Amino acid sequence: MICSYKYRIYPSKSQARLLERVVEIHRQLYNAALQERRDAWRMCKKSISCHDQCSQLKELREYPDPAHSGLGGTDAAWLSYSSIQQTLRKPDKAFAAFFRRVNSSDKAGCPRFRSRPPLEFGRLRVQNAGRIQTVLHRAIPDNAKLKQVVIKRESLQH
């Protein structure tokens, strides 16, 4: 069984800046991957797979200049390889769901780019940011294996 838990984190100012950078790099990478897929379909009626985009990661991490990579210039070398792969899986899932809706005659909207909302980040270890104060309002079960951590910015609802 897969369980998901949501916790609020309270980073210091320097950690917040580093997390902001991490989120921004992932946002740019997602948008570049989405744009590459859209362009390939629009120009050549060719579908680009997640595997095709992941194969570009080595070059992307070596040359963060947009001229050397189809996915766009990011600071991808600063991030872990697995977190970048996870970001590239998201447009793949979005397009799979889009084509599933198209084939079933449902209302199908094309996957959208991610915008940068003006939000704030409010003891989780995060690569390049260190340990961040976290309020664990619910205990993680003893037998649980942590597989993935998603850092998401959300506005505070009042």
N, C-alpha and C. Protein backbone atom coordinates (compact mmCIF):
# COMPACT_ATOMS: atom_id res chain seq x y z
N MET A 1 0.84 -1.17 0.00
CA MET A 1 0.00 0.00 0.00
C MET A 1 0.89 1.25 0.00
N ILE A 2 0.53 2.20 -0.81
CA ILE A 2 1.28 3.45 -0.89
C ILE A 2 0.51 4.52 -0.14
N CYS A 3 1.17 5.16 0.80
CA CYS A 3 0.56 6.23 1.57
C CYS A 3 1.27 7.55 1.27
N SER A 4 0.53 8.60 1.38
CA SER A 4 1.09 9.93 1.15
C SER A 4 0.80 10.79 2.37
N TYR A 5 1.81 11.50 2.84
CA TYR A 5 1.67 12.38 3.98
C TYR A 5 2.09 13.78 3.56
N LYS A 6 1.41 14.76 4.09
CA LYS A 6 1.70 16.15 3.77
C LYS A 6 2.08 16.86 5.06
N TYR A 7 3.26 17.51 5.04
CA TYR A 7 3.75 18.22 6.21
C TYR A 7 4.14 19.64 5.82
N ARG A 8 4.06 20.53 6.76
CA ARG A 8 4.48 21.90 6.53
C ARG A 8 5.91 22.04 7.03
N ILE A 9 6.73 22.72 6.24
CA ILE A 9 8.13 22.93 6.64
C ILE A 9 8.35 24.40 6.94
N TYR A 10 9.35 24.68 7.77
CA TYR A 10 9.68 26.04 8.17
C TYR A 10 11.18 26.28 7.95
N PRO A 11 11.57 26.57 6.72
CA PRO A 11 12.99 26.77 6.45
C PRO A 11 13.48 28.13 6.96
N SER A 12 14.78 28.20 7.21
CA SER A 12 15.40 29.49 7.52
C SER A 12 15.42 30.32 6.24
N LYS A 13 15.83 31.58 6.33
CA LYS A 13 15.84 32.44 5.14
C LYS A 13 16.79 31.90 4.07
N SER A 14 17.96 31.43 4.49
CA SER A 14 18.91 30.90 3.51
C SER A 14 18.39 29.59 2.90
N GLN A 15 17.76 28.75 3.71
CA GLN A 15 17.18 27.52 3.19
C GLN A 15 16.03 27.83 2.25
N ALA A 16 15.24 28.84 2.57
CA ALA A 16 14.12 29.23 1.70
C ALA A 16 14.63 29.67 0.33
N ARG A 17 15.74 30.40 0.32
CA ARG A 17 16.33 30.83 -0.96
C ARG A 17 16.80 29.61 -1.77
N LEU A 18 17.43 28.65 -1.09
CA LEU A 18 17.90 27.45 -1.78
C LEU A 18 16.73 26.61 -2.28
N LEU A 19 15.69 26.48 -1.47
CA LEU A 19 14.50 25.75 -1.92
C LEU A 19 13.83 26.46 -3.08
N GLU A 20 13.82 27.77 -3.03
CA GLU A 20 13.26 28.55 -4.13
C GLU A 20 14.00 28.24 -5.43
N ARG A 21 15.31 28.14 -5.33
CA ARG A 21 16.12 27.82 -6.50
C ARG A 21 15.82 26.41 -7.02
N VAL A 22 15.71 25.45 -6.10
CA VAL A 22 15.42 24.07 -6.48
C VAL A 22 14.07 24.00 -7.20
N VAL A 23 13.05 24.61 -6.62
CA VAL A 23 11.71 24.59 -7.21
C VAL A 23 11.72 25.28 -8.58
N GLU A 24 12.44 26.38 -8.69
CA GLU A 24 12.51 27.11 -9.95
C GLU A 24 13.21 26.29 -11.04
N ILE A 25 14.28 25.60 -10.70
CA ILE A 25 14.98 24.76 -11.68
C ILE A 25 14.05 23.65 -12.16
N HIS A 26 13.33 23.02 -11.23
CA HIS A 26 12.40 21.96 -11.63
C HIS A 26 11.26 22.52 -12.48
N ARG A 27 10.77 23.70 -12.15
CA ARG A 27 9.71 24.32 -12.93
C ARG A 27 10.18 24.59 -14.35
N GLN A 28 11.39 25.15 -14.48
CA GLN A 28 11.94 25.44 -15.81
C GLN A 28 12.16 24.15 -16.60
N LEU A 29 12.63 23.12 -15.94
CA LEU A 29 12.87 21.84 -16.60
C LEU A 29 11.54 21.23 -17.08
N TYR A 30 10.52 21.27 -16.24
CA TYR A 30 9.20 20.76 -16.62
C TYR A 30 8.68 21.52 -17.83
N ASN A 31 8.73 22.84 -17.78
CA ASN A 31 8.22 23.66 -18.88
C ASN A 31 9.01 23.42 -20.17
N ALA A 32 10.33 23.26 -20.06
CA ALA A 32 11.15 22.99 -21.25
C ALA A 32 10.82 21.62 -21.85
N ALA A 33 10.62 20.63 -20.98
CA ALA A 33 10.26 19.29 -21.46
C ALA A 33 8.89 19.32 -22.14
N LEU A 34 7.96 20.05 -21.55
CA LEU A 34 6.63 20.18 -22.14
C LEU A 34 6.69 20.90 -23.48
N GLN A 35 7.49 21.95 -23.56
CA GLN A 35 7.63 22.69 -24.82
C GLN A 35 8.26 21.82 -25.90
N GLU A 36 9.27 21.04 -25.53
CA GLU A 36 9.92 20.15 -26.49
C GLU A 36 8.92 19.14 -27.05
N ARG A 37 8.08 18.60 -26.19
CA ARG A 37 7.07 17.64 -26.63
C ARG A 37 6.04 18.30 -27.55
N ARG A 38 5.58 19.49 -27.15
CA ARG A 38 4.60 20.20 -27.97
C ARG A 38 5.17 20.54 -29.35
N ASP A 39 6.41 21.03 -29.38
CA ASP A 39 7.04 21.40 -30.65
C ASP A 39 7.23 20.19 -31.55
N ALA A 40 7.66 19.08 -30.98
CA ALA A 40 7.88 17.86 -31.78
C ALA A 40 6.56 17.38 -32.38
N TRP A 41 5.48 17.49 -31.61
CA TRP A 41 4.18 17.06 -32.14
C TRP A 41 3.67 18.03 -33.20
N ARG A 42 3.82 19.32 -32.91
CA ARG A 42 3.32 20.34 -33.84
C ARG A 42 4.07 20.31 -35.16
N MET A 43 5.39 20.14 -35.13
CA MET A 43 6.20 20.23 -36.34
C MET A 43 6.29 18.91 -37.10
N CYS A 44 6.43 17.81 -36.39
CA CYS A 44 6.72 16.52 -37.05
C CYS A 44 5.68 15.44 -36.78
N LYS A 45 4.67 15.76 -35.96
CA LYS A 45 3.70 14.75 -35.52
C LYS A 45 4.42 13.56 -34.89
N LYS A 46 5.48 13.88 -34.16
CA LYS A 46 6.30 12.88 -33.49
C LYS A 46 6.12 13.03 -31.99
N SER A 47 5.98 11.90 -31.33
CA SER A 47 5.84 11.92 -29.88
C SER A 47 7.20 11.65 -29.24
N ILE A 48 7.54 12.44 -28.25
CA ILE A 48 8.79 12.26 -27.52
C ILE A 48 8.47 11.56 -26.21
N SER A 49 9.19 10.52 -25.91
CA SER A 49 8.93 9.76 -24.69
C SER A 49 9.78 10.31 -23.53
N CYS A 50 9.43 9.87 -22.35
CA CYS A 50 10.20 10.22 -21.16
C CYS A 50 11.63 9.67 -21.30
N HIS A 51 11.76 8.48 -21.86
CA HIS A 51 13.08 7.88 -22.07
C HIS A 51 13.94 8.75 -22.98
N ASP A 52 13.33 9.30 -24.05
CA ASP A 52 14.07 10.18 -24.96
C ASP A 52 14.59 11.42 -24.22
N GLN A 53 13.73 11.99 -23.38
CA GLN A 53 14.14 13.19 -22.67
C GLN A 53 15.14 12.87 -21.57
N CYS A 54 14.99 11.75 -20.90
CA CYS A 54 15.94 11.37 -19.85
C CYS A 54 17.32 11.07 -20.43
N SER A 55 17.36 10.63 -21.69
CA SER A 55 18.66 10.34 -22.31
C SER A 55 19.45 11.63 -22.56
N GLN A 56 18.79 12.76 -22.53
CA GLN A 56 19.46 14.05 -22.71
C GLN A 56 20.06 14.58 -21.41
N LEU A 57 19.77 13.93 -20.29
CA LEU A 57 20.17 14.46 -18.99
C LEU A 57 21.68 14.58 -18.82
N LYS A 58 22.42 13.61 -19.29
CA LYS A 58 23.87 13.67 -19.12
C LYS A 58 24.43 14.92 -19.79
N GLU A 59 23.99 15.16 -21.02
CA GLU A 59 24.45 16.35 -21.74
C GLU A 59 23.94 17.62 -21.06
N LEU A 60 22.70 17.59 -20.60
CA LEU A 60 22.12 18.76 -19.93
C LEU A 60 22.90 19.12 -18.68
N ARG A 61 23.32 18.11 -17.93
CA ARG A 61 24.05 18.36 -16.70
C ARG A 61 25.48 18.84 -16.98
N GLU A 62 26.05 18.44 -18.12
CA GLU A 62 27.40 18.88 -18.47
C GLU A 62 27.41 20.29 -19.04
N TYR A 63 26.39 20.62 -19.83
CA TYR A 63 26.31 21.91 -20.52
C TYR A 63 24.99 22.58 -20.18
N PRO A 64 24.94 23.38 -19.13
CA PRO A 64 23.68 24.00 -18.76
C PRO A 64 23.26 25.16 -19.68
N ASP A 65 23.91 25.31 -20.81
CA ASP A 65 23.58 26.36 -21.77
C ASP A 65 22.46 25.88 -22.68
N PRO A 66 21.44 26.70 -22.96
CA PRO A 66 20.32 26.27 -23.80
C PRO A 66 20.75 25.82 -25.20
N ALA A 67 21.85 26.32 -25.71
CA ALA A 67 22.29 25.96 -27.05
C ALA A 67 22.75 24.51 -27.14
N HIS A 68 23.09 23.91 -25.99
CA HIS A 68 23.60 22.54 -25.98
C HIS A 68 22.57 21.50 -25.57
N SER A 69 21.34 21.89 -25.34
CA SER A 69 20.37 20.92 -24.87
C SER A 69 18.98 21.24 -25.39
N GLY A 70 18.23 20.19 -25.71
CA GLY A 70 16.87 20.37 -26.16
C GLY A 70 15.93 20.73 -25.03
N LEU A 71 16.32 20.46 -23.79
CA LEU A 71 15.43 20.72 -22.66
C LEU A 71 15.58 22.12 -22.09
N GLY A 72 16.47 22.90 -22.59
CA GLY A 72 16.60 24.26 -22.09
C GLY A 72 17.70 24.38 -21.05
N GLY A 73 18.17 25.60 -20.86
CA GLY A 73 19.26 25.83 -19.92
C GLY A 73 18.78 25.92 -18.49
N THR A 74 19.22 25.05 -17.65
CA THR A 74 18.88 25.09 -16.23
C THR A 74 20.15 24.82 -15.45
N ASP A 75 20.04 24.88 -14.16
CA ASP A 75 21.15 24.51 -13.30
C ASP A 75 21.00 23.05 -12.90
N ALA A 76 20.71 22.22 -13.87
CA ALA A 76 20.39 20.82 -13.60
C ALA A 76 21.54 20.07 -12.93
N ALA A 77 22.77 20.47 -13.17
CA ALA A 77 23.90 19.78 -12.56
C ALA A 77 23.90 19.95 -11.04
N TRP A 78 23.20 20.95 -10.56
CA TRP A 78 23.14 21.24 -9.13
C TRP A 78 22.20 20.29 -8.40
N LEU A 79 21.28 19.66 -9.13
CA LEU A 79 20.27 18.78 -8.55
C LEU A 79 20.66 17.32 -8.69
N SER A 80 20.00 16.47 -7.92
CA SER A 80 20.26 15.04 -8.04
C SER A 80 19.63 14.52 -9.32
N TYR A 81 20.25 13.51 -9.87
CA TYR A 81 19.82 12.93 -11.13
C TYR A 81 18.40 12.36 -11.02
N SER A 82 18.11 11.69 -9.90
CA SER A 82 16.79 11.07 -9.74
C SER A 82 15.68 12.10 -9.60
N SER A 83 15.96 13.24 -8.99
CA SER A 83 14.91 14.26 -8.88
C SER A 83 14.61 14.87 -10.24
N ILE A 84 15.62 14.99 -11.09
CA ILE A 84 15.39 15.51 -12.44
C ILE A 84 14.58 14.50 -13.25
N GLN A 85 14.91 13.22 -13.11
CA GLN A 85 14.15 12.19 -13.82
C GLN A 85 12.68 12.22 -13.39
N GLN A 86 12.44 12.41 -12.11
CA GLN A 86 11.06 12.47 -11.61
C GLN A 86 10.32 13.65 -12.23
N THR A 87 11.00 14.77 -12.39
CA THR A 87 10.39 15.94 -13.02
C THR A 87 10.06 15.64 -14.47
N LEU A 88 10.90 14.90 -15.17
CA LEU A 88 10.65 14.57 -16.57
C LEU A 88 9.54 13.54 -16.74
N ARG A 89 9.24 12.80 -15.68
CA ARG A 89 8.13 11.84 -15.76
C ARG A 89 6.78 12.55 -15.71
N LYS A 90 6.74 13.74 -15.13
CA LYS A 90 5.47 14.44 -14.97
C LYS A 90 4.84 14.85 -16.30
N PRO A 91 5.59 15.43 -17.27
CA PRO A 91 4.95 15.72 -18.55
C PRO A 91 4.53 14.44 -19.28
N ASP A 92 5.27 13.36 -19.06
CA ASP A 92 4.92 12.08 -19.67
C ASP A 92 3.55 11.62 -19.16
N LYS A 93 3.33 11.72 -17.86
CA LYS A 93 2.04 11.35 -17.28
C LYS A 93 0.94 12.30 -17.76
N ALA A 94 1.27 13.59 -17.86
CA ALA A 94 0.28 14.58 -18.30
C ALA A 94 -0.17 14.30 -19.73
N PHE A 95 0.77 13.97 -20.61
CA PHE A 95 0.41 13.67 -22.00
C PHE A 95 -0.33 12.34 -22.11
N ALA A 96 0.03 11.36 -21.31
CA ALA A 96 -0.68 10.08 -21.32
C ALA A 96 -2.14 10.29 -20.92
N ALA A 97 -2.37 11.10 -19.88
CA ALA A 97 -3.73 11.39 -19.44
C ALA A 97 -4.48 12.20 -20.51
N PHE A 98 -3.78 13.12 -21.15
CA PHE A 98 -4.39 13.93 -22.22
C PHE A 98 -4.87 13.04 -23.36
N PHE A 99 -4.01 12.14 -23.85
CA PHE A 99 -4.39 11.28 -24.96
C PHE A 99 -5.45 10.25 -24.56
N ARG A 100 -5.44 9.84 -23.29
CA ARG A 100 -6.49 8.94 -22.80
C ARG A 100 -7.85 9.66 -22.86
N ARG A 101 -7.88 10.95 -22.46
CA ARG A 101 -9.12 11.72 -22.51
C ARG A 101 -9.55 11.96 -23.95
N VAL A 102 -8.59 12.21 -24.85
CA VAL A 102 -8.92 12.43 -26.25
C VAL A 102 -9.54 11.17 -26.84
N ASN A 103 -8.95 10.02 -26.56
CA ASN A 103 -9.44 8.75 -27.11
C ASN A 103 -10.80 8.34 -26.54
N SER A 104 -11.11 8.78 -25.33
CA SER A 104 -12.40 8.42 -24.73
C SER A 104 -13.46 9.50 -24.97
N SER A 105 -13.13 10.47 -25.82
CA SER A 105 -14.05 11.56 -26.19
C SER A 105 -14.42 12.45 -25.01
N ASP A 106 -13.60 12.47 -23.98
CA ASP A 106 -13.81 13.40 -22.87
C ASP A 106 -13.26 14.75 -23.25
N LYS A 107 -13.60 15.75 -22.46
CA LYS A 107 -13.04 17.08 -22.69
C LYS A 107 -11.56 17.00 -22.33
N ALA A 108 -10.71 17.27 -23.30
CA ALA A 108 -9.27 17.10 -23.10
C ALA A 108 -8.56 18.42 -23.31
N GLY A 109 -7.98 18.92 -22.25
CA GLY A 109 -7.16 20.12 -22.35
C GLY A 109 -5.70 19.72 -22.42
N CYS A 110 -4.95 20.37 -23.27
CA CYS A 110 -3.53 20.07 -23.42
C CYS A 110 -2.80 20.39 -22.10
N PRO A 111 -1.77 19.62 -21.75
CA PRO A 111 -1.01 19.92 -20.52
C PRO A 111 -0.50 21.36 -20.53
N ARG A 112 -0.56 21.98 -19.37
CA ARG A 112 -0.21 23.39 -19.24
C ARG A 112 1.17 23.57 -18.64
N PHE A 113 1.72 24.74 -18.93
CA PHE A 113 3.00 25.11 -18.34
C PHE A 113 2.77 25.47 -16.87
N ARG A 114 3.81 25.32 -16.10
CA ARG A 114 3.74 25.66 -14.68
C ARG A 114 4.15 27.11 -14.51
N SER A 115 3.34 27.83 -13.78
CA SER A 115 3.66 29.23 -13.52
C SER A 115 4.40 29.33 -12.20
N ARG A 116 4.90 30.49 -11.94
CA ARG A 116 5.65 30.73 -10.71
C ARG A 116 4.79 31.58 -9.79
N PRO A 117 4.04 30.96 -8.89
CA PRO A 117 3.15 31.74 -8.02
C PRO A 117 3.93 32.50 -6.95
N PRO A 118 3.48 33.66 -6.57
CA PRO A 118 4.17 34.43 -5.52
C PRO A 118 3.82 33.89 -4.14
N LEU A 119 4.55 32.88 -3.70
CA LEU A 119 4.25 32.22 -2.44
C LEU A 119 5.45 32.25 -1.51
N GLU A 120 5.23 31.83 -0.28
CA GLU A 120 6.31 31.76 0.70
C GLU A 120 6.46 30.33 1.21
N PHE A 121 7.68 29.95 1.48
CA PHE A 121 7.89 28.67 2.13
C PHE A 121 7.81 28.94 3.63
N GLY A 122 7.21 28.39 4.12
CA GLY A 122 7.16 28.71 5.51
C GLY A 122 8.59 28.50 6.13
N ARG A 123 12.37 19.17 10.35
CA ARG A 123 13.77 18.81 10.18
C ARG A 123 13.83 17.63 9.24
N LEU A 124 13.57 18.40 7.83
CA LEU A 124 13.68 17.46 6.74
C LEU A 124 14.99 17.75 6.03
N ARG A 125 15.76 16.69 5.71
CA ARG A 125 17.01 16.93 5.01
C ARG A 125 16.73 17.00 3.52
N VAL A 126 17.09 18.14 2.94
CA VAL A 126 16.88 18.37 1.52
C VAL A 126 18.23 18.69 0.90
N GLN A 127 18.51 18.02 -0.22
CA GLN A 127 19.78 18.24 -0.90
C GLN A 127 19.97 19.72 -1.19
N ASN A 128 21.15 20.24 -0.93
CA ASN A 128 21.58 21.61 -1.16
C ASN A 128 20.93 22.62 -0.23
N ALA A 129 19.98 22.22 0.60
CA ALA A 129 19.34 23.15 1.52
C ALA A 129 19.59 22.78 2.98
N GLY A 130 20.00 21.56 3.23
CA GLY A 130 20.28 21.13 4.59
C GLY A 130 19.04 20.64 5.32
N ARG A 131 19.08 20.72 6.66
CA ARG A 131 17.95 20.26 7.47
C ARG A 131 16.97 21.40 7.69
N ILE A 132 15.71 21.11 7.43
CA ILE A 132 14.67 22.13 7.50
C ILE A 132 13.67 21.73 8.57
N GLN A 133 13.31 22.70 9.40
CA GLN A 133 12.35 22.45 10.46
C GLN A 133 11.02 22.01 9.85
N THR A 134 10.49 20.92 10.35
CA THR A 134 9.25 20.36 9.84
C THR A 134 8.34 20.02 11.01
N VAL A 135 7.07 20.31 10.89
CA VAL A 135 6.11 19.95 11.91
C VAL A 135 5.46 18.64 11.48
N LEU A 136 5.75 17.58 12.21
CA LEU A 136 5.17 16.27 11.92
C LEU A 136 3.90 16.12 12.75
N HIS A 137 2.80 16.63 12.24
CA HIS A 137 1.53 16.55 12.96
C HIS A 137 0.97 15.13 12.95
N ARG A 138 1.54 14.29 12.10
CA ARG A 138 1.16 12.87 12.04
C ARG A 138 2.45 12.08 11.94
N ALA A 139 2.56 11.08 12.78
CA ALA A 139 3.78 10.27 12.79
C ALA A 139 3.86 9.39 11.55
N ILE A 140 5.07 9.24 11.03
CA ILE A 140 5.30 8.33 9.92
C ILE A 140 5.38 6.93 10.50
N PRO A 141 4.63 5.96 9.98
CA PRO A 141 4.66 4.60 10.54
C PRO A 141 6.08 4.03 10.57
N ASP A 142 6.34 3.21 11.59
CA ASP A 142 7.67 2.63 11.77
C ASP A 142 8.07 1.74 10.60
N ASN A 143 7.13 1.03 10.02
CA ASN A 143 7.46 0.10 8.94
C ASN A 143 7.45 0.77 7.56
N ALA A 144 7.25 2.07 7.52
CA ALA A 144 7.17 2.78 6.23
C ALA A 144 8.56 3.03 5.67
N LYS A 145 8.67 2.92 4.35
CA LYS A 145 9.90 3.25 3.65
C LYS A 145 9.66 4.54 2.88
N LEU A 146 10.47 5.53 3.15
CA LEU A 146 10.35 6.79 2.43
C LEU A 146 10.92 6.61 1.03
N LYS A 147 10.09 6.79 0.03
CA LYS A 147 10.50 6.60 -1.36
C LYS A 147 10.72 7.93 -2.07
N GLN A 148 9.96 8.93 -1.70
CA GLN A 148 10.00 10.18 -2.44
C GLN A 148 9.52 11.31 -1.55
N VAL A 149 10.13 12.47 -1.72
CA VAL A 149 9.69 13.68 -1.05
C VAL A 149 9.40 14.71 -2.14
N VAL A 150 8.24 15.30 -2.07
CA VAL A 150 7.86 16.33 -3.03
C VAL A 150 7.77 17.64 -2.28
N ILE A 151 8.50 18.64 -2.74
CA ILE A 151 8.43 19.96 -2.14
C ILE A 151 7.53 20.79 -3.03
N LYS A 152 6.48 21.31 -2.46
CA LYS A 152 5.47 22.02 -3.23
C LYS A 152 5.16 23.35 -2.56
N ARG A 153 5.09 24.38 -3.35
CA ARG A 153 4.75 25.69 -2.81
C ARG A 153 3.26 25.88 -2.94
N GLU A 154 2.63 26.28 -1.87
CA GLU A 154 1.21 26.55 -1.88
C GLU A 154 0.95 27.86 -1.17
N SER A 155 -0.08 28.54 -1.61
CA SER A 155 -0.44 29.77 -0.92
C SER A 155 -1.12 29.42 0.39
N LEU A 156 -1.04 30.31 1.33
CA LEU A 156 -1.69 30.08 2.60
C LEU A 156 -3.14 30.49 2.48
N GLN A 157 -4.04 29.56 2.73
CA GLN A 157 -5.48 29.83 2.64
C GLN A 157 -5.94 30.38 3.98
N HIS A 158 -6.56 31.51 3.97
CA HIS A 158 -7.07 32.11 5.22
C HIS A 158 -8.55 32.02 5.28
